[in-house]
Amino acid sequence: MTAQVEGAGHRHKYIVDRLEAKRRVEVCDLAERLGVAQETIRRDLRVLEQQGHLQRVHGGAVKREERPLSPFDGMTPQHLPTHIDLAEQVVARLPHAGTIVIDCSAISWAVAESLSRRPETHAGLTVVTTSLDVAVVLSRLDTMHVYNVGGIVEHSHRAQQGDWTLTEIGRFRVDLALLSPAGVTLDGGLFASDPMAAAVLAAEVSVATQVWLMLDADALGRTAFVRASGIDTVERIFTVGVAEPHRAQPFLDAGIVIIPPSSTPAATTP
């Protein structure tokens, strides 16, 4: 038992230190680095959240001050600068009309904030979302149709999940899905951190004509706990940070455009 306590203390210090350096941690990355199961990391994050060290979000955690618990108080959340950069890249390339799905993640919330500052430019968009945060932010706009699909609300990141959610998503057909998987590989496709998230991710992919991914650069070429879907309809990948060449090249060779931070030219196929 002493070894387990010491192990937990070591993990907690590592997680807090990494949060201080990176501002965000991912369950699958921590599990790999620390050599423990993902469920062990989730328990660690719950403990650290109770102690006030962090705020759990979809797939990981951020420093508590980086994201208020709820957007319903009317305050604009303080997003990570890297997420804001990615969101601006995505919104600049969105069609001005049509139908899109936006999933639930910290990056998706930043995309919604960016969209909300362009009420006229994207007035023709219809948005379907599984995120309460995204729905509330976009509800500010009377120029945009927003559909929140409903379902069980996951308490830590307010994603809607379960059979109700899957049934409702299946009723839609959309032009584009903006998704943030926990990992993506060329042969395995899109991955999620748990079975319920994977089911929702698969449903979102299935109703979209094309898919754009929004994720950390080190998620390229990385798997996670549950495979969600193939990669056939993925056309663009927006990354937080610049992907290492060995991670990016297989996707480029497959004809998928990778769009790094705004200070770096977009990577495309030769």
Protein backbone atom coordinates (compact mmCIF):
# COMPACT_ATOMS: atom_id res chain seq x y z
CA MET A 1 0.00 0.00 0.00
CA THR A 2 2.87 2.37 0.75
CA ALA A 3 4.23 1.88 -2.76
CA GLN A 4 0.82 2.72 -4.24
CA VAL A 5 0.55 5.91 -2.17
CA GLU A 6 4.06 6.96 -3.17
CA GLY A 7 3.22 6.15 -6.78
CA ALA A 8 0.08 8.28 -6.65
CA GLY A 9 2.01 11.15 -5.10
CA HIS A 10 4.62 10.94 -7.84
CA ARG A 11 1.95 10.93 -10.55
CA HIS A 12 0.10 13.87 -9.02
CA LYS A 13 3.28 15.96 -8.85
CA TYR A 14 4.14 15.03 -12.44
CA ILE A 15 0.65 15.99 -13.64
CA VAL A 16 0.67 19.33 -11.80
CA ASP A 17 4.17 20.14 -13.09
CA ARG A 18 3.22 19.24 -16.65
CA LEU A 19 0.08 21.39 -16.40
CA GLU A 20 2.24 24.30 -15.30
CA ALA A 21 4.46 23.84 -18.34
CA LYS A 22 1.91 22.85 -20.99
CA ARG A 23 -1.35 24.39 -19.65
CA ARG A 24 -3.21 21.23 -20.72
CA VAL A 25 -2.71 17.48 -20.23
CA GLU A 26 -4.30 14.51 -22.03
CA VAL A 27 -5.31 11.26 -20.35
CA CYS A 28 -3.83 8.99 -23.02
CA ASP A 29 -0.53 10.89 -23.11
CA LEU A 30 -0.16 10.83 -19.30
CA ALA A 31 -0.98 7.12 -19.17
CA GLU A 32 1.73 6.40 -21.74
CA ARG A 33 4.34 8.60 -20.06
CA LEU A 34 3.67 7.27 -16.56
CA GLY A 35 3.16 3.64 -17.57
CA VAL A 36 -0.27 3.23 -15.98
CA ALA A 37 -3.83 2.60 -17.18
CA GLN A 38 -5.93 5.49 -18.45
CA GLU A 39 -8.48 4.83 -15.71
CA THR A 40 -5.71 5.40 -13.14
CA ILE A 41 -5.00 8.79 -14.70
CA ARG A 42 -8.71 9.66 -14.68
CA ARG A 43 -8.82 8.90 -10.95
CA ASP A 44 -5.74 11.08 -10.44
CA LEU A 45 -7.39 13.95 -12.33
CA ARG A 46 -10.54 13.63 -10.23
CA VAL A 47 -8.46 13.87 -7.04
CA LEU A 48 -6.48 16.84 -8.31
CA GLU A 49 -9.68 18.57 -9.42
CA GLN A 50 -11.14 18.12 -5.92
CA GLN A 51 -7.95 19.66 -4.53
CA GLY A 52 -8.35 22.66 -6.81
CA HIS A 53 -5.31 22.05 -9.02
CA LEU A 54 -7.11 21.69 -12.35
CA GLN A 55 -10.37 21.58 -14.30
CA ARG A 56 -11.13 18.34 -16.09
CA VAL A 57 -12.15 18.70 -19.73
CA HIS A 58 -12.87 16.26 -22.55
CA GLY A 59 -9.93 13.85 -22.78
CA GLY A 60 -7.79 15.51 -20.11
CA ALA A 61 -7.49 18.62 -17.95
CA VAL A 62 -6.48 22.29 -17.99
CA LYS A 63 -5.38 24.64 -15.25
CA ARG A 64 -8.47 25.76 -13.38
CA GLU A 65 -8.08 29.42 -14.22
CA GLU A 66 -7.87 28.65 -17.95
CA ARG A 67 -11.53 27.77 -18.21
CA PRO A 68 -14.44 28.74 -15.96
CA LEU A 69 -16.80 25.97 -14.98
CA SER A 70 -19.67 27.26 -17.05
CA PRO A 71 -20.34 29.80 -19.81
CA PHE A 72 -23.83 30.55 -18.52
CA ASP A 73 -22.72 33.55 -16.44
CA GLY A 74 -22.35 35.59 -19.64
CA MET A 75 -18.58 35.93 -19.35
CA THR A 76 -16.29 35.16 -22.28
CA PRO A 77 -14.01 32.27 -21.25
CA GLN A 78 -10.27 32.72 -21.22
CA HIS A 79 -9.20 30.20 -23.85
CA LEU A 80 -5.66 29.00 -24.38
CA PRO A 81 -3.90 31.20 -26.97
CA THR A 82 -3.12 28.08 -29.01
CA HIS A 83 -6.80 27.15 -29.12
CA ILE A 84 -7.74 30.68 -30.18
CA ASP A 85 -5.17 30.54 -32.96
CA LEU A 86 -6.53 27.23 -34.23
CA ALA A 87 -10.12 28.46 -33.99
CA GLU A 88 -9.33 31.52 -36.09
CA GLN A 89 -7.71 29.26 -38.70
CA VAL A 90 -10.81 27.06 -38.85
CA VAL A 91 -13.38 29.86 -38.97
CA ALA A 92 -11.45 31.70 -41.71
CA ARG A 93 -11.92 28.64 -43.94
CA LEU A 94 -15.53 27.79 -43.08
CA PRO A 95 -18.18 28.17 -45.77
CA HIS A 96 -20.47 31.15 -45.29
CA ALA A 97 -23.54 28.94 -45.61
CA GLY A 98 -24.45 25.30 -45.23
CA THR A 99 -24.72 22.79 -42.38
CA ILE A 100 -22.01 21.76 -39.93
CA VAL A 101 -21.57 19.56 -36.86
CA ILE A 102 -19.35 20.85 -34.04
CA ASP A 103 -18.34 18.34 -31.37
CA CYS A 104 -17.49 18.92 -27.71
CA SER A 105 -13.93 19.95 -26.82
CA ALA A 106 -12.05 22.97 -25.55
CA ILE A 107 -11.02 23.70 -29.14
CA SER A 108 -14.65 23.49 -30.33
CA TRP A 109 -15.66 26.00 -27.67
CA ALA A 110 -12.98 28.38 -28.97
CA VAL A 111 -14.33 27.89 -32.52
CA ALA A 112 -17.81 28.83 -31.28
CA GLU A 113 -16.43 31.99 -29.65
CA SER A 114 -14.70 32.93 -32.90
CA LEU A 115 -17.89 32.31 -34.88
CA SER A 116 -19.91 34.41 -32.45
CA ARG A 117 -17.77 37.43 -33.33
CA ARG A 118 -18.76 37.09 -37.03
CA PRO A 119 -22.55 37.29 -36.95
CA GLU A 120 -22.87 38.51 -40.53
CA THR A 121 -20.06 36.63 -42.29
CA HIS A 122 -21.46 33.19 -41.41
CA ALA A 123 -25.11 34.08 -41.14
CA GLY A 124 -26.06 31.28 -43.52
CA LEU A 125 -24.69 28.49 -41.34
CA THR A 126 -26.79 25.90 -39.54
CA VAL A 127 -24.93 24.29 -36.63
CA VAL A 128 -25.61 20.96 -34.92
CA THR A 129 -23.65 20.38 -31.72
CA THR A 130 -23.27 17.91 -28.88
CA SER A 131 -21.70 20.58 -26.65
CA LEU A 132 -23.73 22.65 -24.21
CA ASP A 133 -20.95 25.25 -24.21
CA VAL A 134 -20.97 25.60 -28.00
CA ALA A 135 -24.77 25.82 -28.06
CA VAL A 136 -24.88 28.54 -25.41
CA VAL A 137 -22.16 30.62 -27.08
CA LEU A 138 -23.78 30.41 -30.53
CA SER A 139 -27.23 31.12 -29.07
CA ARG A 140 -26.07 34.75 -28.85
CA LEU A 141 -26.54 34.99 -32.62
CA ASP A 142 -29.97 35.53 -34.12
CA THR A 143 -28.44 35.07 -37.60
CA MET A 144 -27.54 31.40 -37.14
CA HIS A 145 -29.69 28.29 -36.65
CA VAL A 146 -28.31 26.16 -33.80
CA TYR A 147 -29.48 22.65 -32.89
CA ASN A 148 -28.39 21.08 -29.59
CA VAL A 149 -29.06 17.36 -29.92
CA GLY A 150 -29.79 16.51 -26.29
CA GLY A 151 -28.91 13.42 -24.31
CA ILE A 152 -27.06 12.57 -21.12
CA VAL A 153 -24.77 15.43 -20.07
CA GLU A 154 -21.27 14.39 -19.01
CA HIS A 155 -20.60 16.51 -15.91
CA SER A 156 -16.93 17.42 -16.38
CA HIS A 157 -17.03 18.79 -19.94
CA ARG A 158 -20.79 19.04 -20.60
CA ALA A 159 -20.79 16.82 -23.69
CA GLN A 160 -24.07 15.17 -24.62
CA GLN A 161 -23.85 11.41 -24.96
CA GLY A 162 -25.91 8.22 -24.88
CA ASP A 163 -28.63 6.60 -27.01
CA TRP A 164 -30.73 9.77 -27.28
CA THR A 165 -27.73 11.69 -28.64
CA LEU A 166 -26.87 8.96 -31.15
CA THR A 167 -30.45 8.75 -32.41
CA GLU A 168 -30.72 12.50 -32.89
CA ILE A 169 -27.38 12.83 -34.67
CA GLY A 170 -28.45 10.08 -37.06
CA ARG A 171 -31.38 12.18 -38.23
CA PHE A 172 -29.10 14.88 -39.69
CA ARG A 173 -27.11 15.10 -42.92
CA VAL A 174 -24.49 17.86 -42.85
CA ASP A 175 -21.88 19.29 -45.19
CA LEU A 176 -19.02 19.38 -42.69
CA ALA A 177 -18.08 18.02 -39.25
CA LEU A 178 -15.54 19.77 -36.99
CA LEU A 179 -14.21 17.06 -34.68
CA SER A 180 -11.51 16.69 -32.02
CA PRO A 181 -10.60 13.01 -31.61
CA ALA A 182 -8.13 11.83 -28.98
CA GLY A 183 -5.93 10.41 -31.71
CA VAL A 184 -5.83 9.66 -35.42
CA THR A 185 -3.82 7.25 -37.56
CA LEU A 186 -3.89 6.69 -41.28
CA ASP A 187 -4.67 2.98 -41.06
CA GLY A 188 -6.77 2.97 -37.88
CA GLY A 189 -8.74 6.19 -38.33
CA LEU A 190 -10.19 8.27 -35.50
CA PHE A 191 -9.91 7.28 -31.84
CA ALA A 192 -11.65 8.38 -28.65
CA SER A 193 -10.77 8.01 -24.97
CA ASP A 194 -13.84 5.96 -23.99
CA PRO A 195 -16.60 3.90 -25.66
CA MET A 196 -19.36 6.48 -25.28
CA ALA A 197 -17.26 9.27 -26.76
CA ALA A 198 -16.25 6.93 -29.58
CA ALA A 199 -19.90 6.16 -30.39
CA VAL A 200 -20.75 9.85 -30.63
CA LEU A 201 -17.64 10.53 -32.73
CA ALA A 202 -18.57 7.73 -35.13
CA ALA A 203 -22.10 9.07 -35.46
CA GLU A 204 -20.83 12.57 -36.23
CA VAL A 205 -18.51 11.23 -38.92
CA SER A 206 -21.29 9.13 -40.48
CA VAL A 207 -23.62 12.09 -41.14
CA ALA A 208 -21.00 14.44 -42.64
CA THR A 209 -19.94 14.76 -46.28
CA GLN A 210 -16.48 15.88 -45.19
CA VAL A 211 -14.60 16.06 -41.89
CA TRP A 212 -12.06 18.53 -40.53
CA LEU A 213 -10.07 17.51 -37.45
CA MET A 214 -8.87 19.88 -34.72
CA LEU A 215 -6.30 18.43 -32.33
CA ASP A 216 -2.88 18.63 -30.72
CA ALA A 217 -0.04 17.98 -33.15
CA ASP A 218 1.19 15.00 -31.13
CA ALA A 219 -2.19 13.28 -31.60
CA LEU A 220 -1.26 12.66 -35.24
CA GLY A 221 -0.27 9.03 -35.65
CA ARG A 222 -1.43 8.23 -32.11
CA THR A 223 -4.15 5.82 -31.09
CA ALA A 224 -6.40 6.03 -28.05
CA PHE A 225 -8.53 3.56 -26.11
CA VAL A 226 -11.41 3.08 -28.58
CA ARG A 227 -11.46 3.22 -32.38
CA ALA A 228 -14.37 5.33 -33.60
CA SER A 229 -14.29 5.46 -37.40
CA GLY A 230 -12.23 5.46 -40.56
CA ILE A 231 -10.51 8.46 -42.07
CA ASP A 232 -11.99 8.39 -45.58
CA THR A 233 -13.89 11.70 -45.32
CA VAL A 234 -11.15 13.65 -43.49
CA GLU A 235 -9.92 16.46 -45.75
CA ARG A 236 -8.11 18.82 -43.38
CA ILE A 237 -6.38 18.57 -40.01
CA PHE A 238 -5.81 21.72 -37.94
CA THR A 239 -3.14 21.30 -35.28
CA VAL A 240 -2.27 22.93 -31.99
CA GLY A 241 1.49 23.14 -32.41
CA VAL A 242 3.56 22.02 -35.38
CA ALA A 243 3.52 18.28 -36.08
CA GLU A 244 6.85 16.48 -36.31
CA PRO A 245 7.57 15.46 -39.92
CA HIS A 246 7.30 11.74 -39.24
CA ARG A 247 3.83 12.28 -37.79
CA ALA A 248 2.57 14.53 -40.57
CA GLN A 249 4.03 12.91 -43.68
CA PRO A 250 1.75 9.83 -43.90
CA PHE A 251 -1.31 12.10 -43.88
CA LEU A 252 0.21 14.43 -46.47
CA ASP A 253 1.01 11.47 -48.69
CA ALA A 254 -2.65 10.44 -48.44
CA GLY A 255 -3.76 13.86 -49.73
CA ILE A 256 -4.91 15.30 -46.39
CA VAL A 257 -4.05 18.96 -45.81
CA ILE A 258 -2.45 19.76 -42.46
CA ILE A 259 -2.84 23.33 -41.24
CA PRO A 260 -0.43 24.29 -38.42
CA PRO A 261 -0.46 27.45 -36.27
CA SER A 262 -0.83 30.74 -38.11
CA SER A 263 2.88 31.56 -37.83
CA THR A 264 3.72 28.43 -39.88
CA PRO A 265 2.78 27.89 -43.55
CA ALA A 266 0.12 25.23 -44.10
CA ALA A 267 1.42 21.81 -45.05
CA THR A 268 -0.07 20.27 -48.14
CA THR A 269 0.65 17.46 -50.49
CA PRO A 270 3.53 18.02 -52.94
